[in-house]
């Protein structure tokens, strides 16, 4: 926890961006009956029954201090999917940066070893050397700012039925573009000093020896 909080307190450095990454499973749903369209004075009417159209995974990368984010949709959430997303992060999103500070949870696929499952050793090593990895503690994924971005995404874009991956990609692309144009940042208030006070029960206790 303290490691993550120290990362968030680091002053902004455009050549060393702090990027938070997370992924979200998503259920594709269609309508059993065609909705009744909107009309003056009445909203669209949607039947409670729906059709399951499969699942997919949404990947999000967000840089809280610059107000930028990247969103992608994949059919699965395997080690290979994560590795390909990380390559995109390094080579497309931040090709000229000295080092990318990457914060994420400790899911078993979020490991440098996943890169070696997809790329040749030289390529995997090249990607890893561009990263400085920081993992949230077990049961501490709330420390990942990418979760805030996913919550905003869910409220603003995903609180309705979307039935195909292609439509989901289009909707998320529009949402991402609008958020990036607004330069929507995250102002993280929970600092290291706060943690040592509010979460004092989690720290070991030491008895002060009197001289």
N, C-alpha and C. Protein backbone atom coordinates (compact mmCIF):
# COMPACT_ATOMS: atom_id res chain seq x y z
N UNK A 1 0.82 -1.20 0.00
CA UNK A 1 0.00 0.00 0.00
C UNK A 1 0.86 1.26 0.00
N UNK A 2 1.85 1.28 0.85
CA UNK A 2 2.71 2.46 0.94
C UNK A 2 3.48 2.68 -0.36
N UNK A 3 3.87 1.60 -1.01
CA UNK A 3 4.56 1.72 -2.29
C UNK A 3 3.68 2.42 -3.32
N UNK A 4 2.41 2.02 -3.42
CA UNK A 4 1.48 2.63 -4.37
C UNK A 4 1.25 4.09 -4.02
N UNK A 5 1.06 4.39 -2.75
CA UNK A 5 0.79 5.76 -2.35
C UNK A 5 1.99 6.67 -2.63
N UNK A 6 3.18 6.15 -2.48
CA UNK A 6 4.36 6.95 -2.81
C UNK A 6 4.43 7.24 -4.31
N UNK A 7 4.03 6.27 -5.11
CA UNK A 7 3.99 6.50 -6.56
C UNK A 7 3.03 7.63 -6.89
N UNK A 8 1.86 7.64 -6.26
CA UNK A 8 0.86 8.67 -6.54
C UNK A 8 1.30 10.06 -6.07
N UNK A 9 2.20 10.12 -5.10
CA UNK A 9 2.67 11.41 -4.60
C UNK A 9 3.84 11.95 -5.41
N UNK A 10 4.34 11.19 -6.37
CA UNK A 10 5.44 11.63 -7.20
C UNK A 10 5.01 12.80 -8.08
N UNK A 11 5.78 13.89 -8.14
CA UNK A 11 5.42 15.01 -9.02
C UNK A 11 5.33 14.56 -10.48
N UNK A 12 4.48 15.23 -11.23
CA UNK A 12 4.24 14.87 -12.63
C UNK A 12 5.51 15.04 -13.46
N UNK A 13 5.84 13.99 -14.20
CA UNK A 13 6.99 14.01 -15.10
C UNK A 13 6.53 13.44 -16.43
N UNK A 14 6.39 14.28 -17.48
CA UNK A 14 5.87 13.79 -18.76
C UNK A 14 6.72 12.71 -19.40
N UNK A 15 8.00 12.63 -19.03
CA UNK A 15 8.87 11.60 -19.59
C UNK A 15 8.88 10.32 -18.75
N UNK A 16 8.13 10.35 -17.65
CA UNK A 16 8.03 9.18 -16.78
C UNK A 16 6.58 9.08 -16.29
N UNK A 17 5.64 8.84 -17.18
CA UNK A 17 4.22 8.88 -16.82
C UNK A 17 3.83 7.75 -15.87
N UNK A 18 2.93 8.07 -14.95
CA UNK A 18 2.33 7.07 -14.07
C UNK A 18 1.01 6.64 -14.71
N UNK A 19 0.92 5.37 -15.07
CA UNK A 19 -0.26 4.83 -15.76
C UNK A 19 -0.86 3.71 -14.91
N UNK A 20 -2.18 3.76 -14.75
CA UNK A 20 -2.89 2.72 -14.00
C UNK A 20 -3.68 1.85 -14.98
N UNK A 21 -3.63 0.55 -14.78
CA UNK A 21 -4.26 -0.39 -15.70
C UNK A 21 -5.21 -1.33 -14.95
N UNK A 22 -6.36 -1.61 -15.56
CA UNK A 22 -7.27 -2.60 -14.99
C UNK A 22 -8.11 -3.17 -16.13
N UNK A 23 -8.82 -4.23 -15.85
CA UNK A 23 -9.68 -4.85 -16.84
C UNK A 23 -11.00 -5.25 -16.21
N UNK A 24 -12.04 -5.31 -17.04
CA UNK A 24 -13.39 -5.54 -16.54
C UNK A 24 -14.11 -6.53 -17.44
N UNK A 25 -14.63 -7.63 -16.90
CA UNK A 25 -15.47 -8.51 -17.72
C UNK A 25 -16.79 -7.83 -18.04
N UNK A 26 -17.31 -8.10 -19.23
CA UNK A 26 -18.55 -7.44 -19.63
C UNK A 26 -19.48 -8.45 -20.30
N UNK A 27 -20.74 -8.43 -19.90
CA UNK A 27 -21.76 -9.31 -20.46
C UNK A 27 -22.49 -8.60 -21.59
N UNK A 28 -22.40 -9.14 -22.80
CA UNK A 28 -23.14 -8.59 -23.94
C UNK A 28 -24.59 -9.05 -23.87
N UNK A 29 -25.51 -8.09 -23.97
CA UNK A 29 -26.93 -8.40 -23.84
C UNK A 29 -27.72 -7.79 -24.98
N UNK A 30 -28.66 -8.57 -25.52
CA UNK A 30 -29.58 -8.07 -26.54
C UNK A 30 -30.99 -8.02 -26.00
N UNK A 31 -31.89 -7.46 -26.77
CA UNK A 31 -33.29 -7.32 -26.36
C UNK A 31 -34.11 -8.50 -26.86
N UNK A 32 -34.91 -9.07 -25.98
CA UNK A 32 -35.84 -10.14 -26.37
C UNK A 32 -36.96 -9.56 -27.23
N UNK A 33 -37.41 -8.36 -26.88
CA UNK A 33 -38.43 -7.66 -27.65
C UNK A 33 -37.91 -6.29 -28.03
N UNK A 34 -38.30 -5.82 -29.18
CA UNK A 34 -37.82 -4.53 -29.67
C UNK A 34 -38.32 -3.41 -28.76
N UNK A 35 -37.40 -2.53 -28.29
CA UNK A 35 -37.83 -1.44 -27.41
C UNK A 35 -38.78 -0.48 -28.12
N UNK A 36 -39.64 0.15 -27.33
CA UNK A 36 -40.52 1.19 -27.87
C UNK A 36 -39.73 2.50 -27.90
N UNK A 37 -39.70 3.18 -29.02
CA UNK A 37 -38.85 4.37 -29.15
C UNK A 37 -39.31 5.53 -28.27
N UNK A 38 -38.41 6.47 -28.06
CA UNK A 38 -38.75 7.68 -27.32
C UNK A 38 -39.75 8.50 -28.12
N UNK A 39 -40.53 9.26 -27.38
CA UNK A 39 -41.45 10.21 -28.00
C UNK A 39 -41.59 11.39 -27.05
N UNK A 40 -42.13 12.49 -27.52
CA UNK A 40 -42.24 13.67 -26.65
C UNK A 40 -42.95 13.36 -25.34
N UNK A 41 -42.26 13.62 -24.25
CA UNK A 41 -42.83 13.40 -22.93
C UNK A 41 -42.67 12.00 -22.39
N UNK A 42 -42.01 11.11 -23.13
CA UNK A 42 -41.86 9.73 -22.67
C UNK A 42 -40.50 9.19 -23.09
N UNK A 43 -39.87 8.46 -22.19
CA UNK A 43 -38.57 7.87 -22.48
C UNK A 43 -38.74 6.55 -23.22
N UNK A 44 -37.63 6.00 -23.70
CA UNK A 44 -37.66 4.72 -24.39
C UNK A 44 -38.10 3.62 -23.42
N UNK A 45 -38.94 2.72 -23.90
CA UNK A 45 -39.43 1.61 -23.07
C UNK A 45 -38.69 0.33 -23.45
N UNK A 46 -38.05 -0.31 -22.44
CA UNK A 46 -37.26 -1.52 -22.66
C UNK A 46 -37.85 -2.65 -21.85
N UNK A 47 -38.07 -3.78 -22.49
CA UNK A 47 -38.61 -4.94 -21.79
C UNK A 47 -37.58 -5.52 -20.83
N UNK A 48 -38.05 -6.10 -19.73
CA UNK A 48 -37.14 -6.64 -18.71
C UNK A 48 -36.41 -7.90 -19.19
N UNK A 49 -36.97 -8.61 -20.18
CA UNK A 49 -36.31 -9.81 -20.68
C UNK A 49 -35.20 -9.44 -21.65
N UNK A 50 -34.11 -10.22 -21.60
CA UNK A 50 -32.97 -9.95 -22.46
C UNK A 50 -32.39 -11.25 -22.99
N UNK A 51 -31.49 -11.13 -23.95
CA UNK A 51 -30.83 -12.27 -24.56
C UNK A 51 -29.33 -12.17 -24.29
N UNK A 52 -28.74 -13.24 -23.79
CA UNK A 52 -27.30 -13.26 -23.54
C UNK A 52 -26.56 -13.45 -24.87
N UNK A 53 -25.62 -12.56 -25.15
CA UNK A 53 -24.87 -12.61 -26.41
C UNK A 53 -23.39 -12.90 -26.20
N UNK A 54 -23.03 -13.44 -25.03
CA UNK A 54 -21.64 -13.77 -24.77
C UNK A 54 -20.97 -12.76 -23.85
N UNK A 55 -19.70 -12.97 -23.64
CA UNK A 55 -18.92 -12.09 -22.77
C UNK A 55 -17.66 -11.61 -23.48
N UNK A 56 -17.06 -10.58 -22.91
CA UNK A 56 -15.80 -10.07 -23.41
C UNK A 56 -15.07 -9.40 -22.25
N UNK A 57 -13.94 -8.80 -22.53
CA UNK A 57 -13.15 -8.14 -21.49
C UNK A 57 -12.76 -6.75 -21.96
N UNK A 58 -12.91 -5.77 -21.07
CA UNK A 58 -12.56 -4.39 -21.36
C UNK A 58 -11.26 -4.04 -20.63
N UNK A 59 -10.27 -3.59 -21.37
CA UNK A 59 -8.99 -3.16 -20.80
C UNK A 59 -8.96 -1.63 -20.79
N UNK A 60 -8.50 -1.06 -19.68
CA UNK A 60 -8.38 0.40 -19.60
C UNK A 60 -7.01 0.77 -19.04
N UNK A 61 -6.37 1.76 -19.68
CA UNK A 61 -5.15 2.38 -19.19
C UNK A 61 -5.47 3.86 -18.97
N UNK A 62 -5.16 4.39 -17.82
CA UNK A 62 -5.43 5.79 -17.54
C UNK A 62 -4.22 6.45 -16.89
N UNK A 63 -3.91 7.65 -17.35
CA UNK A 63 -2.85 8.44 -16.75
C UNK A 63 -3.52 9.57 -15.96
N UNK A 64 -3.66 9.42 -14.64
CA UNK A 64 -4.49 10.35 -13.85
C UNK A 64 -4.05 11.80 -13.92
N UNK A 65 -2.74 12.05 -13.98
CA UNK A 65 -2.25 13.42 -13.91
C UNK A 65 -2.36 14.16 -15.24
N UNK A 66 -2.37 13.45 -16.35
CA UNK A 66 -2.50 14.12 -17.65
C UNK A 66 -3.93 14.12 -18.18
N UNK A 67 -4.80 13.29 -17.58
CA UNK A 67 -6.19 13.23 -18.01
C UNK A 67 -6.40 12.51 -19.32
N UNK A 68 -5.57 11.50 -19.60
CA UNK A 68 -5.73 10.71 -20.82
C UNK A 68 -5.97 9.26 -20.46
N UNK A 69 -6.64 8.55 -21.37
CA UNK A 69 -6.89 7.13 -21.15
C UNK A 69 -7.02 6.42 -22.49
N UNK A 70 -6.81 5.09 -22.43
CA UNK A 70 -6.98 4.23 -23.60
C UNK A 70 -7.87 3.07 -23.18
N UNK A 71 -8.83 2.71 -24.05
CA UNK A 71 -9.76 1.63 -23.77
C UNK A 71 -9.77 0.67 -24.96
N UNK A 72 -9.77 -0.62 -24.68
CA UNK A 72 -9.87 -1.61 -25.75
C UNK A 72 -10.76 -2.76 -25.29
N UNK A 73 -11.30 -3.49 -26.26
CA UNK A 73 -12.19 -4.62 -25.97
C UNK A 73 -11.60 -5.87 -26.59
N UNK A 74 -11.54 -6.95 -25.82
CA UNK A 74 -11.03 -8.23 -26.30
C UNK A 74 -12.01 -9.33 -25.93
N UNK A 75 -11.98 -10.38 -26.73
CA UNK A 75 -12.90 -11.49 -26.50
C UNK A 75 -12.56 -12.25 -25.22
N UNK A 76 -11.28 -12.22 -24.83
CA UNK A 76 -10.84 -12.95 -23.65
C UNK A 76 -9.94 -12.06 -22.79
N UNK A 77 -9.53 -12.59 -21.65
CA UNK A 77 -8.60 -11.87 -20.76
C UNK A 77 -7.45 -12.81 -20.40
N UNK A 78 -6.79 -13.34 -21.40
CA UNK A 78 -5.69 -14.28 -21.19
C UNK A 78 -4.38 -13.53 -21.02
N UNK A 79 -3.33 -14.29 -20.73
CA UNK A 79 -1.98 -13.72 -20.63
C UNK A 79 -1.57 -13.08 -21.95
N UNK A 80 -1.95 -13.71 -23.07
CA UNK A 80 -1.60 -13.17 -24.38
C UNK A 80 -2.29 -11.84 -24.63
N UNK A 81 -3.56 -11.73 -24.21
CA UNK A 81 -4.28 -10.46 -24.38
C UNK A 81 -3.60 -9.35 -23.59
N UNK A 82 -3.23 -9.65 -22.36
CA UNK A 82 -2.54 -8.65 -21.54
C UNK A 82 -1.21 -8.26 -22.18
N UNK A 83 -0.45 -9.23 -22.65
CA UNK A 83 0.86 -8.95 -23.25
C UNK A 83 0.72 -8.04 -24.47
N UNK A 84 -0.27 -8.29 -25.29
CA UNK A 84 -0.47 -7.46 -26.48
C UNK A 84 -0.89 -6.04 -26.11
N UNK A 85 -1.68 -5.91 -25.05
CA UNK A 85 -2.07 -4.58 -24.59
C UNK A 85 -0.86 -3.82 -24.04
N UNK A 86 0.02 -4.52 -23.35
CA UNK A 86 1.22 -3.87 -22.80
C UNK A 86 2.14 -3.42 -23.93
N UNK A 87 2.26 -4.20 -24.97
CA UNK A 87 3.06 -3.79 -26.12
C UNK A 87 2.49 -2.52 -26.75
N UNK A 88 1.18 -2.45 -26.83
CA UNK A 88 0.53 -1.24 -27.35
C UNK A 88 0.84 -0.04 -26.45
N UNK A 89 0.78 -0.25 -25.15
CA UNK A 89 1.10 0.81 -24.19
C UNK A 89 2.50 1.36 -24.43
N UNK A 90 3.46 0.46 -24.60
CA UNK A 90 4.86 0.85 -24.73
C UNK A 90 5.17 1.45 -26.10
N UNK A 91 4.68 0.84 -27.16
CA UNK A 91 5.11 1.22 -28.50
C UNK A 91 4.21 2.26 -29.18
N UNK A 92 2.95 2.34 -28.76
CA UNK A 92 2.02 3.26 -29.42
C UNK A 92 1.66 4.43 -28.51
N UNK A 93 1.28 4.14 -27.28
CA UNK A 93 0.85 5.21 -26.38
C UNK A 93 2.01 6.06 -25.89
N UNK A 94 3.12 5.41 -25.54
CA UNK A 94 4.26 6.13 -24.97
C UNK A 94 5.57 5.68 -25.62
N UNK A 95 5.74 5.88 -26.91
CA UNK A 95 6.92 5.35 -27.60
C UNK A 95 8.22 6.06 -27.26
N UNK A 96 8.14 7.30 -26.79
CA UNK A 96 9.35 8.10 -26.57
C UNK A 96 9.66 8.36 -25.11
N UNK A 97 8.96 7.70 -24.20
CA UNK A 97 9.16 7.96 -22.78
C UNK A 97 10.35 7.18 -22.24
N UNK A 98 11.01 7.76 -21.24
CA UNK A 98 12.16 7.09 -20.62
C UNK A 98 11.73 5.82 -19.90
N UNK A 99 10.66 5.92 -19.14
CA UNK A 99 10.16 4.78 -18.37
C UNK A 99 8.68 5.01 -18.11
N UNK A 100 7.91 3.93 -18.15
CA UNK A 100 6.48 4.00 -17.86
C UNK A 100 6.25 3.34 -16.51
N UNK A 101 5.73 4.09 -15.55
CA UNK A 101 5.43 3.56 -14.23
C UNK A 101 4.02 2.99 -14.28
N UNK A 102 3.91 1.68 -14.19
CA UNK A 102 2.63 0.99 -14.40
C UNK A 102 2.11 0.41 -13.09
N UNK A 103 0.90 0.85 -12.70
CA UNK A 103 0.23 0.36 -11.49
C UNK A 103 -0.91 -0.56 -11.91
N UNK A 104 -0.99 -1.74 -11.30
CA UNK A 104 -2.06 -2.69 -11.62
C UNK A 104 -2.22 -3.68 -10.47
N UNK A 105 -3.29 -4.46 -10.52
CA UNK A 105 -3.49 -5.48 -9.49
C UNK A 105 -2.63 -6.70 -9.79
N UNK A 106 -2.58 -7.60 -8.84
CA UNK A 106 -1.68 -8.75 -8.97
C UNK A 106 -2.36 -9.99 -9.54
N UNK A 107 -3.19 -9.80 -10.56
CA UNK A 107 -3.78 -10.93 -11.28
C UNK A 107 -2.66 -11.78 -11.87
N UNK A 108 -2.87 -13.08 -11.95
CA UNK A 108 -1.78 -13.98 -12.35
C UNK A 108 -1.30 -13.74 -13.78
N UNK A 109 -2.13 -13.12 -14.64
CA UNK A 109 -1.68 -12.83 -16.00
C UNK A 109 -0.88 -11.53 -16.10
N UNK A 110 -0.92 -10.72 -15.06
CA UNK A 110 -0.23 -9.42 -15.08
C UNK A 110 1.22 -9.59 -14.64
N UNK A 111 1.96 -10.37 -15.39
CA UNK A 111 3.33 -10.69 -15.03
C UNK A 111 4.23 -10.57 -16.25
N UNK A 112 5.49 -10.19 -16.07
CA UNK A 112 6.42 -10.17 -17.20
C UNK A 112 6.49 -11.49 -17.95
N UNK A 113 6.27 -12.60 -17.24
CA UNK A 113 6.32 -13.91 -17.90
C UNK A 113 5.29 -14.02 -19.01
N UNK A 114 4.18 -13.28 -18.92
CA UNK A 114 3.16 -13.33 -19.96
C UNK A 114 3.70 -12.82 -21.29
N UNK A 115 4.63 -11.87 -21.24
CA UNK A 115 5.21 -11.34 -22.47
C UNK A 115 6.02 -12.40 -23.20
N UNK A 116 6.68 -13.27 -22.44
CA UNK A 116 7.48 -14.33 -23.06
C UNK A 116 6.62 -15.41 -23.69
N UNK A 117 5.33 -15.46 -23.34
CA UNK A 117 4.43 -16.43 -23.96
C UNK A 117 3.99 -15.99 -25.35
N UNK A 118 4.19 -14.71 -25.65
CA UNK A 118 3.70 -14.15 -26.91
C UNK A 118 4.84 -13.71 -27.83
N UNK A 119 5.88 -13.13 -27.24
CA UNK A 119 6.94 -12.52 -28.03
C UNK A 119 8.26 -13.27 -27.85
N UNK A 120 9.15 -13.08 -28.80
CA UNK A 120 10.50 -13.64 -28.69
C UNK A 120 11.19 -13.04 -27.47
N UNK A 121 12.14 -13.77 -26.87
CA UNK A 121 12.79 -13.28 -25.64
C UNK A 121 13.35 -11.86 -25.76
N UNK A 122 13.97 -11.53 -26.89
CA UNK A 122 14.55 -10.20 -27.05
C UNK A 122 13.46 -9.13 -27.03
N UNK A 123 12.34 -9.42 -27.68
CA UNK A 123 11.24 -8.46 -27.73
C UNK A 123 10.58 -8.32 -26.36
N UNK A 124 10.36 -9.46 -25.69
CA UNK A 124 9.76 -9.41 -24.36
C UNK A 124 10.62 -8.61 -23.40
N UNK A 125 11.93 -8.83 -23.47
CA UNK A 125 12.84 -8.12 -22.57
C UNK A 125 12.86 -6.62 -22.88
N UNK A 126 12.78 -6.27 -24.17
CA UNK A 126 12.76 -4.86 -24.55
C UNK A 126 11.55 -4.15 -23.94
N UNK A 127 10.40 -4.82 -23.99
CA UNK A 127 9.19 -4.22 -23.43
C UNK A 127 9.30 -4.08 -21.91
N UNK A 128 9.79 -5.12 -21.26
CA UNK A 128 9.90 -5.10 -19.80
C UNK A 128 10.81 -3.97 -19.33
N UNK A 129 11.89 -3.72 -20.04
CA UNK A 129 12.84 -2.69 -19.64
C UNK A 129 12.25 -1.28 -19.73
N UNK A 130 11.16 -1.14 -20.46
CA UNK A 130 10.50 0.16 -20.55
C UNK A 130 9.53 0.41 -19.39
N UNK A 131 9.33 -0.61 -18.55
CA UNK A 131 8.31 -0.53 -17.51
C UNK A 131 8.92 -0.54 -16.11
N UNK A 132 8.25 0.16 -15.22
CA UNK A 132 8.50 0.05 -13.78
C UNK A 132 7.19 -0.40 -13.16
N UNK A 133 7.14 -1.64 -12.70
CA UNK A 133 5.87 -2.26 -12.28
C UNK A 133 5.63 -2.07 -10.79
N UNK A 134 4.38 -1.73 -10.46
CA UNK A 134 3.95 -1.61 -9.06
C UNK A 134 2.60 -2.31 -8.93
N UNK A 135 2.51 -3.25 -8.00
CA UNK A 135 1.30 -4.04 -7.83
C UNK A 135 0.55 -3.60 -6.57
N UNK A 136 -0.77 -3.50 -6.68
CA UNK A 136 -1.58 -3.25 -5.49
C UNK A 136 -1.56 -4.50 -4.62
N UNK A 137 -1.67 -4.33 -3.30
CA UNK A 137 -1.63 -5.51 -2.42
C UNK A 137 -2.88 -6.37 -2.56
N UNK A 138 -2.79 -7.58 -2.11
CA UNK A 138 -3.94 -8.49 -2.11
C UNK A 138 -5.08 -7.85 -1.33
N UNK A 139 -6.28 -7.92 -1.87
CA UNK A 139 -7.47 -7.28 -1.30
C UNK A 139 -7.33 -5.76 -1.24
N UNK A 140 -6.42 -5.19 -2.02
CA UNK A 140 -6.23 -3.74 -2.02
C UNK A 140 -6.36 -3.13 -3.39
N UNK A 141 -7.22 -3.71 -4.24
CA UNK A 141 -7.36 -3.19 -5.60
C UNK A 141 -7.98 -1.80 -5.61
N UNK A 142 -8.60 -1.37 -4.48
CA UNK A 142 -9.16 -0.02 -4.39
C UNK A 142 -8.07 1.05 -4.52
N UNK A 143 -6.81 0.64 -4.35
CA UNK A 143 -5.71 1.58 -4.51
C UNK A 143 -5.41 1.88 -5.98
N UNK A 144 -6.00 1.14 -6.89
CA UNK A 144 -5.73 1.32 -8.32
C UNK A 144 -6.69 2.38 -8.87
N UNK A 145 -6.14 3.50 -9.33
CA UNK A 145 -6.97 4.59 -9.85
C UNK A 145 -7.74 4.14 -11.09
N UNK A 146 -7.26 3.12 -11.79
CA UNK A 146 -7.99 2.62 -12.96
C UNK A 146 -9.37 2.12 -12.58
N UNK A 147 -9.57 1.70 -11.34
CA UNK A 147 -10.90 1.28 -10.90
C UNK A 147 -11.87 2.46 -10.89
N UNK A 148 -11.37 3.65 -10.56
CA UNK A 148 -12.20 4.84 -10.61
C UNK A 148 -12.65 5.09 -12.05
N UNK A 149 -11.71 4.94 -12.99
CA UNK A 149 -12.02 5.15 -14.40
C UNK A 149 -13.05 4.13 -14.88
N UNK A 150 -12.92 2.88 -14.44
CA UNK A 150 -13.90 1.86 -14.82
C UNK A 150 -15.28 2.17 -14.25
N UNK A 151 -15.34 2.70 -13.04
CA UNK A 151 -16.62 3.06 -12.45
C UNK A 151 -17.29 4.20 -13.23
N UNK A 152 -16.49 5.19 -13.64
CA UNK A 152 -17.02 6.29 -14.45
C UNK A 152 -17.53 5.74 -15.79
N UNK A 153 -16.75 4.85 -16.40
CA UNK A 153 -17.14 4.23 -17.66
C UNK A 153 -18.46 3.49 -17.53
N UNK A 154 -18.62 2.74 -16.45
CA UNK A 154 -19.84 1.97 -16.25
C UNK A 154 -21.05 2.87 -16.13
N UNK A 155 -20.92 3.97 -15.37
CA UNK A 155 -22.05 4.88 -15.19
C UNK A 155 -22.39 5.63 -16.47
N UNK A 156 -21.38 6.09 -17.18
CA UNK A 156 -21.61 6.98 -18.31
C UNK A 156 -21.86 6.24 -19.63
N UNK A 157 -21.39 5.01 -19.75
CA UNK A 157 -21.44 4.35 -21.05
C UNK A 157 -22.05 2.94 -21.03
N UNK A 158 -21.91 2.23 -19.93
CA UNK A 158 -22.28 0.82 -19.93
C UNK A 158 -23.56 0.51 -19.17
N UNK A 159 -24.28 1.53 -18.72
CA UNK A 159 -25.49 1.30 -17.93
C UNK A 159 -26.69 1.07 -18.85
N UNK A 160 -26.52 0.23 -19.85
CA UNK A 160 -27.56 -0.12 -20.81
C UNK A 160 -27.15 -1.39 -21.52
N UNK A 161 -28.00 -1.93 -22.35
CA UNK A 161 -27.69 -3.17 -23.05
C UNK A 161 -26.90 -2.88 -24.33
N UNK A 162 -25.81 -3.62 -24.49
CA UNK A 162 -25.01 -3.57 -25.71
C UNK A 162 -24.83 -5.02 -26.15
N UNK A 163 -25.17 -5.31 -27.40
CA UNK A 163 -25.29 -6.72 -27.79
C UNK A 163 -24.13 -7.28 -28.59
N UNK A 164 -23.24 -6.45 -29.14
CA UNK A 164 -22.14 -6.97 -29.95
C UNK A 164 -20.84 -6.30 -29.55
N UNK A 165 -19.72 -6.99 -29.79
CA UNK A 165 -18.41 -6.41 -29.50
C UNK A 165 -18.14 -5.19 -30.38
N UNK A 166 -18.56 -5.25 -31.63
CA UNK A 166 -18.32 -4.11 -32.53
C UNK A 166 -19.04 -2.86 -32.04
N UNK A 167 -20.26 -3.02 -31.59
CA UNK A 167 -21.00 -1.87 -31.06
C UNK A 167 -20.37 -1.38 -29.75
N UNK A 168 -19.94 -2.31 -28.92
CA UNK A 168 -19.29 -1.93 -27.67
C UNK A 168 -18.02 -1.13 -27.94
N UNK A 169 -17.23 -1.56 -28.92
CA UNK A 169 -16.02 -0.82 -29.27
C UNK A 169 -16.35 0.60 -29.73
N UNK A 170 -17.39 0.74 -30.55
CA UNK A 170 -17.78 2.07 -31.03
C UNK A 170 -18.21 2.97 -29.88
N UNK A 171 -19.02 2.43 -28.98
CA UNK A 171 -19.50 3.23 -27.85
C UNK A 171 -18.35 3.65 -26.94
N UNK A 172 -17.45 2.72 -26.65
CA UNK A 172 -16.33 3.05 -25.77
C UNK A 172 -15.36 4.02 -26.42
N UNK A 173 -15.20 3.92 -27.73
CA UNK A 173 -14.34 4.86 -28.44
C UNK A 173 -14.87 6.29 -28.32
N UNK A 174 -16.18 6.44 -28.48
CA UNK A 174 -16.79 7.76 -28.33
C UNK A 174 -16.64 8.27 -26.90
N UNK A 175 -16.87 7.38 -25.93
CA UNK A 175 -16.73 7.78 -24.53
C UNK A 175 -15.29 8.19 -24.22
N UNK A 176 -14.32 7.41 -24.68
CA UNK A 176 -12.91 7.71 -24.44
C UNK A 176 -12.52 9.05 -25.06
N UNK A 177 -12.94 9.28 -26.30
CA UNK A 177 -12.59 10.53 -26.99
C UNK A 177 -13.13 11.74 -26.24
N UNK A 178 -14.36 11.63 -25.76
CA UNK A 178 -14.95 12.75 -25.02
C UNK A 178 -14.21 13.00 -23.71
N UNK A 179 -13.88 11.93 -23.00
CA UNK A 179 -13.13 12.08 -21.73
C UNK A 179 -11.76 12.69 -21.98
N UNK A 180 -11.08 12.26 -23.04
CA UNK A 180 -9.75 12.79 -23.33
C UNK A 180 -9.82 14.25 -23.77
N UNK A 181 -10.85 14.61 -24.53
CA UNK A 181 -10.99 16.00 -24.96
C UNK A 181 -11.25 16.92 -23.77
N UNK A 182 -11.97 16.41 -22.78
CA UNK A 182 -12.22 17.20 -21.57
C UNK A 182 -11.03 17.20 -20.62
N UNK A 183 -10.01 16.38 -20.91
CA UNK A 183 -8.83 16.23 -20.04
C UNK A 183 -9.29 15.92 -18.61
N UNK A 184 -10.08 14.87 -18.48
CA UNK A 184 -10.65 14.49 -17.18
C UNK A 184 -9.59 13.80 -16.32
N UNK A 185 -9.14 14.49 -15.31
CA UNK A 185 -8.10 13.96 -14.42
C UNK A 185 -8.72 13.35 -13.17
N UNK A 186 -7.89 12.67 -12.40
CA UNK A 186 -8.28 12.13 -11.12
C UNK A 186 -7.42 12.78 -10.04
N UNK A 187 -8.05 13.42 -9.08
CA UNK A 187 -7.33 14.08 -7.99
C UNK A 187 -7.34 13.15 -6.78
N UNK A 188 -6.27 12.40 -6.61
CA UNK A 188 -6.17 11.39 -5.55
C UNK A 188 -5.81 12.07 -4.23
N UNK A 189 -6.67 11.93 -3.22
CA UNK A 189 -6.47 12.64 -1.95
C UNK A 189 -5.84 11.77 -0.87
N UNK A 190 -5.93 10.45 -0.99
CA UNK A 190 -5.47 9.57 0.10
C UNK A 190 -3.95 9.45 0.05
N UNK A 191 -3.28 10.07 1.00
CA UNK A 191 -1.83 10.13 1.02
C UNK A 191 -1.23 9.15 2.03
N UNK A 192 0.08 9.05 1.97
CA UNK A 192 0.78 8.11 2.86
C UNK A 192 0.55 8.46 4.32
N UNK A 193 0.61 9.74 4.65
CA UNK A 193 0.37 10.16 6.05
C UNK A 193 -1.05 9.82 6.48
N UNK A 194 -2.02 9.97 5.57
CA UNK A 194 -3.39 9.60 5.90
C UNK A 194 -3.51 8.12 6.21
N UNK A 195 -2.82 7.29 5.42
CA UNK A 195 -2.90 5.84 5.60
C UNK A 195 -2.39 5.43 6.97
N UNK A 196 -1.30 6.04 7.41
CA UNK A 196 -0.71 5.65 8.69
C UNK A 196 -1.56 6.07 9.88
N UNK A 197 -2.49 7.01 9.64
CA UNK A 197 -3.41 7.43 10.70
C UNK A 197 -4.71 6.63 10.62
N UNK A 198 -5.33 6.62 9.45
CA UNK A 198 -6.64 5.98 9.31
C UNK A 198 -6.56 4.46 9.37
N UNK A 199 -5.45 3.88 8.93
CA UNK A 199 -5.31 2.43 8.91
C UNK A 199 -4.29 1.96 9.95
N UNK A 200 -4.23 2.66 11.06
CA UNK A 200 -3.23 2.34 12.07
C UNK A 200 -3.39 0.92 12.60
N UNK A 201 -4.62 0.40 12.57
CA UNK A 201 -4.85 -0.96 13.09
C UNK A 201 -4.16 -2.02 12.24
N UNK A 202 -3.79 -1.70 11.00
CA UNK A 202 -3.13 -2.66 10.13
C UNK A 202 -1.62 -2.72 10.34
N UNK A 203 -1.09 -1.72 11.03
CA UNK A 203 0.36 -1.66 11.24
C UNK A 203 0.74 -2.43 12.51
N UNK A 204 1.94 -3.01 12.52
CA UNK A 204 2.40 -3.67 13.75
C UNK A 204 2.57 -2.66 14.87
N UNK A 205 2.33 -3.12 16.10
CA UNK A 205 2.44 -2.24 17.25
C UNK A 205 3.77 -2.50 17.97
N UNK A 206 4.41 -1.41 18.34
CA UNK A 206 5.70 -1.49 19.05
C UNK A 206 5.58 -0.80 20.39
N UNK A 207 6.12 -1.44 21.40
CA UNK A 207 6.13 -0.82 22.73
C UNK A 207 7.38 0.03 22.86
N UNK A 208 7.17 1.24 23.36
CA UNK A 208 8.28 2.18 23.53
C UNK A 208 9.00 1.84 24.83
N UNK A 209 10.28 1.56 24.70
CA UNK A 209 11.08 1.24 25.88
C UNK A 209 11.49 2.52 26.59
N UNK A 210 11.15 2.62 27.86
CA UNK A 210 11.55 3.78 28.65
C UNK A 210 12.96 3.62 29.17
N UNK A 211 13.72 4.70 29.09
CA UNK A 211 15.10 4.68 29.57
C UNK A 211 15.13 4.79 31.11
